[in-house]
Protein backbone atom coordinates (compact mmCIF):
# COMPACT_ATOMS: atom_id res chain seq x y z
CA MET A 1 -287.33 -44.68 -159.45
CA PHE A 2 -285.79 -46.46 -162.50
CA LEU A 3 -283.96 -49.69 -162.18
CA ASN A 4 -282.04 -51.38 -165.10
CA GLN A 5 -283.60 -54.99 -164.77
CA ASN A 6 -280.72 -56.67 -166.84
CA LEU A 7 -278.08 -55.38 -164.49
CA VAL A 8 -279.91 -56.35 -161.25
CA LYS A 9 -280.56 -59.82 -162.48
CA GLY A 10 -277.06 -60.32 -163.27
CA LYS A 11 -277.34 -60.38 -166.99
CA GLY A 12 -275.09 -57.24 -167.29
CA SER A 13 -272.15 -55.59 -165.69
CA THR A 14 -271.20 -56.38 -162.00
CA LYS A 15 -271.40 -52.53 -161.35
CA ALA A 16 -275.34 -52.47 -161.54
CA LEU A 17 -276.75 -48.76 -161.49
CA GLU A 18 -279.41 -47.53 -159.25
CA GLU A 19 -281.04 -44.24 -160.17
CA ASP A 20 -282.10 -42.29 -157.08
CA GLY A 21 -283.41 -38.89 -158.24
CA THR A 22 -280.62 -37.31 -159.99
CA LYS A 23 -277.74 -39.19 -158.27
CA LEU A 24 -276.17 -42.48 -159.74
CA ILE A 25 -274.66 -44.74 -157.15
CA TYR A 26 -272.54 -48.03 -157.91
CA ARG A 27 -273.36 -50.94 -155.74
CA SER A 28 -269.64 -51.35 -155.24
CA GLN A 29 -269.41 -47.92 -153.85
CA GLN A 30 -272.23 -48.87 -151.38
CA LYS A 31 -270.31 -51.67 -150.09
CA ALA A 32 -267.21 -49.72 -149.81
CA ASP A 33 -269.21 -47.10 -147.91
CA SER A 34 -270.58 -49.64 -145.51
CA SER A 35 -266.97 -51.22 -144.89
CA THR A 36 -265.86 -47.70 -144.41
CA ALA A 37 -268.57 -47.12 -141.69
CA LYS A 38 -267.52 -50.39 -139.93
CA LEU A 39 -263.78 -49.14 -139.84
CA ARG A 40 -264.98 -45.88 -138.46
CA GLN A 41 -266.68 -47.56 -135.63
CA ARG A 42 -263.77 -49.80 -135.03
CA SER A 43 -261.47 -46.65 -134.88
CA GLU A 44 -264.04 -44.73 -132.42
CA LYS A 45 -263.96 -47.96 -130.09
CA HIS A 46 -260.08 -47.83 -130.11
CA GLN A 47 -260.11 -44.18 -129.21
CA LYS A 48 -262.35 -44.69 -126.45
CA GLN A 49 -260.19 -47.38 -125.03
CA ARG A 50 -257.21 -45.24 -125.35
CA ALA A 51 -258.94 -42.31 -123.58
CA GLY A 52 -258.96 -44.56 -120.57
CA THR A 53 -262.64 -45.53 -120.45
CA THR A 54 -261.56 -49.16 -119.90
CA LYS A 55 -258.98 -49.96 -117.11
CA LYS A 56 -256.05 -52.26 -118.21
CA ARG A 57 -254.17 -54.33 -115.83
CA PRO A 58 -250.47 -54.52 -116.10
CA ARG A 59 -249.01 -57.17 -118.15
CA LEU A 60 -247.64 -60.35 -116.30
CA ARG A 61 -244.57 -61.88 -118.19
CA ILE A 62 -244.30 -65.42 -117.63
CA PHE A 63 -240.92 -65.51 -119.48
CA PRO A 64 -239.01 -62.39 -118.12
CA ILE A 65 -236.97 -60.34 -120.33
CA TRP A 66 -233.54 -61.17 -118.53
CA LEU A 67 -234.39 -64.92 -119.13
CA ARG A 68 -235.20 -64.35 -122.74
CA ILE A 69 -231.83 -62.77 -123.21
CA ILE A 70 -229.88 -65.68 -121.48
CA VAL A 71 -231.81 -68.19 -123.42
CA VAL A 72 -231.10 -66.48 -126.74
CA SER A 73 -227.39 -66.17 -125.84
CA LEU A 74 -227.42 -69.94 -125.00
CA LEU A 75 -228.94 -70.65 -128.48
CA CYS A 76 -226.36 -68.57 -130.21
CA ILE A 77 -223.59 -70.31 -128.56
CA ILE A 78 -224.89 -73.82 -129.29
CA ALA A 79 -225.45 -72.73 -132.92
CA LEU A 80 -221.89 -71.63 -133.17
CA VAL A 81 -220.46 -74.86 -131.71
CA ILE A 82 -222.59 -76.92 -133.97
CA GLY A 83 -221.55 -74.79 -137.09
CA LEU A 84 -217.91 -75.17 -136.01
CA MET A 85 -218.15 -79.03 -135.80
CA VAL A 86 -219.88 -79.34 -139.09
CA GLY A 87 -217.62 -76.94 -141.02
CA TYR A 88 -214.47 -78.68 -139.50
CA GLY A 89 -215.70 -82.22 -139.70
CA VAL A 90 -217.93 -82.56 -142.57
CA ILE A 91 -216.80 -79.87 -144.98
CA GLY A 92 -213.18 -79.88 -143.79
CA ASP A 93 -212.62 -83.61 -143.78
CA GLY A 94 -211.47 -83.37 -140.15
CA THR A 95 -212.78 -85.05 -136.83
CA PRO A 96 -215.66 -82.94 -135.51
CA ILE A 97 -214.56 -82.95 -131.95
CA ASP A 98 -211.19 -81.54 -133.03
CA ALA A 99 -212.80 -78.25 -133.81
CA LEU A 100 -213.19 -77.64 -130.16
CA LYS A 101 -209.55 -78.29 -129.05
CA LYS A 102 -207.29 -75.39 -128.30
CA GLU A 103 -204.37 -76.92 -130.39
CA THR A 104 -206.66 -76.83 -133.56
CA TRP A 105 -207.23 -73.08 -133.01
CA GLN A 106 -203.47 -72.32 -132.14
CA HIS A 107 -202.64 -74.06 -135.41
CA ILE A 108 -205.29 -71.93 -137.30
CA ILE A 109 -203.80 -68.68 -135.59
CA ASP A 110 -200.19 -69.79 -136.49
CA ILE A 111 -201.29 -70.22 -140.31
CA VAL A 112 -203.13 -66.85 -140.33
CA THR A 113 -200.26 -64.88 -138.60
CA LYS A 114 -197.52 -66.84 -140.56
CA THR A 115 -195.42 -67.49 -137.43
CA ASN A 116 -192.69 -70.11 -138.00
């Protein structure tokens, strides 16, 4: 068995060669092979779990889906109101509370439809 001492001691390339009979193997390939073996073991473990060897209990939702929908809807409405007030009050030089009044919206609709 022949080992290139310069490469093994770190004086040469990081891809040190080991000669085993007629086959040359890079050390980086050996590391890749070991990581591939670990991945294979993980996938086999997951396949066993999927096969039903372990029993899973049903997931208990603390925050139910219907409540999530309500909360997200409320957050959207709050964001809309805040956006209206910032747009009308800060950018539009008006009073922010006026953005929520019916008369303001009626005036905007009249301008858009050009009703005299």
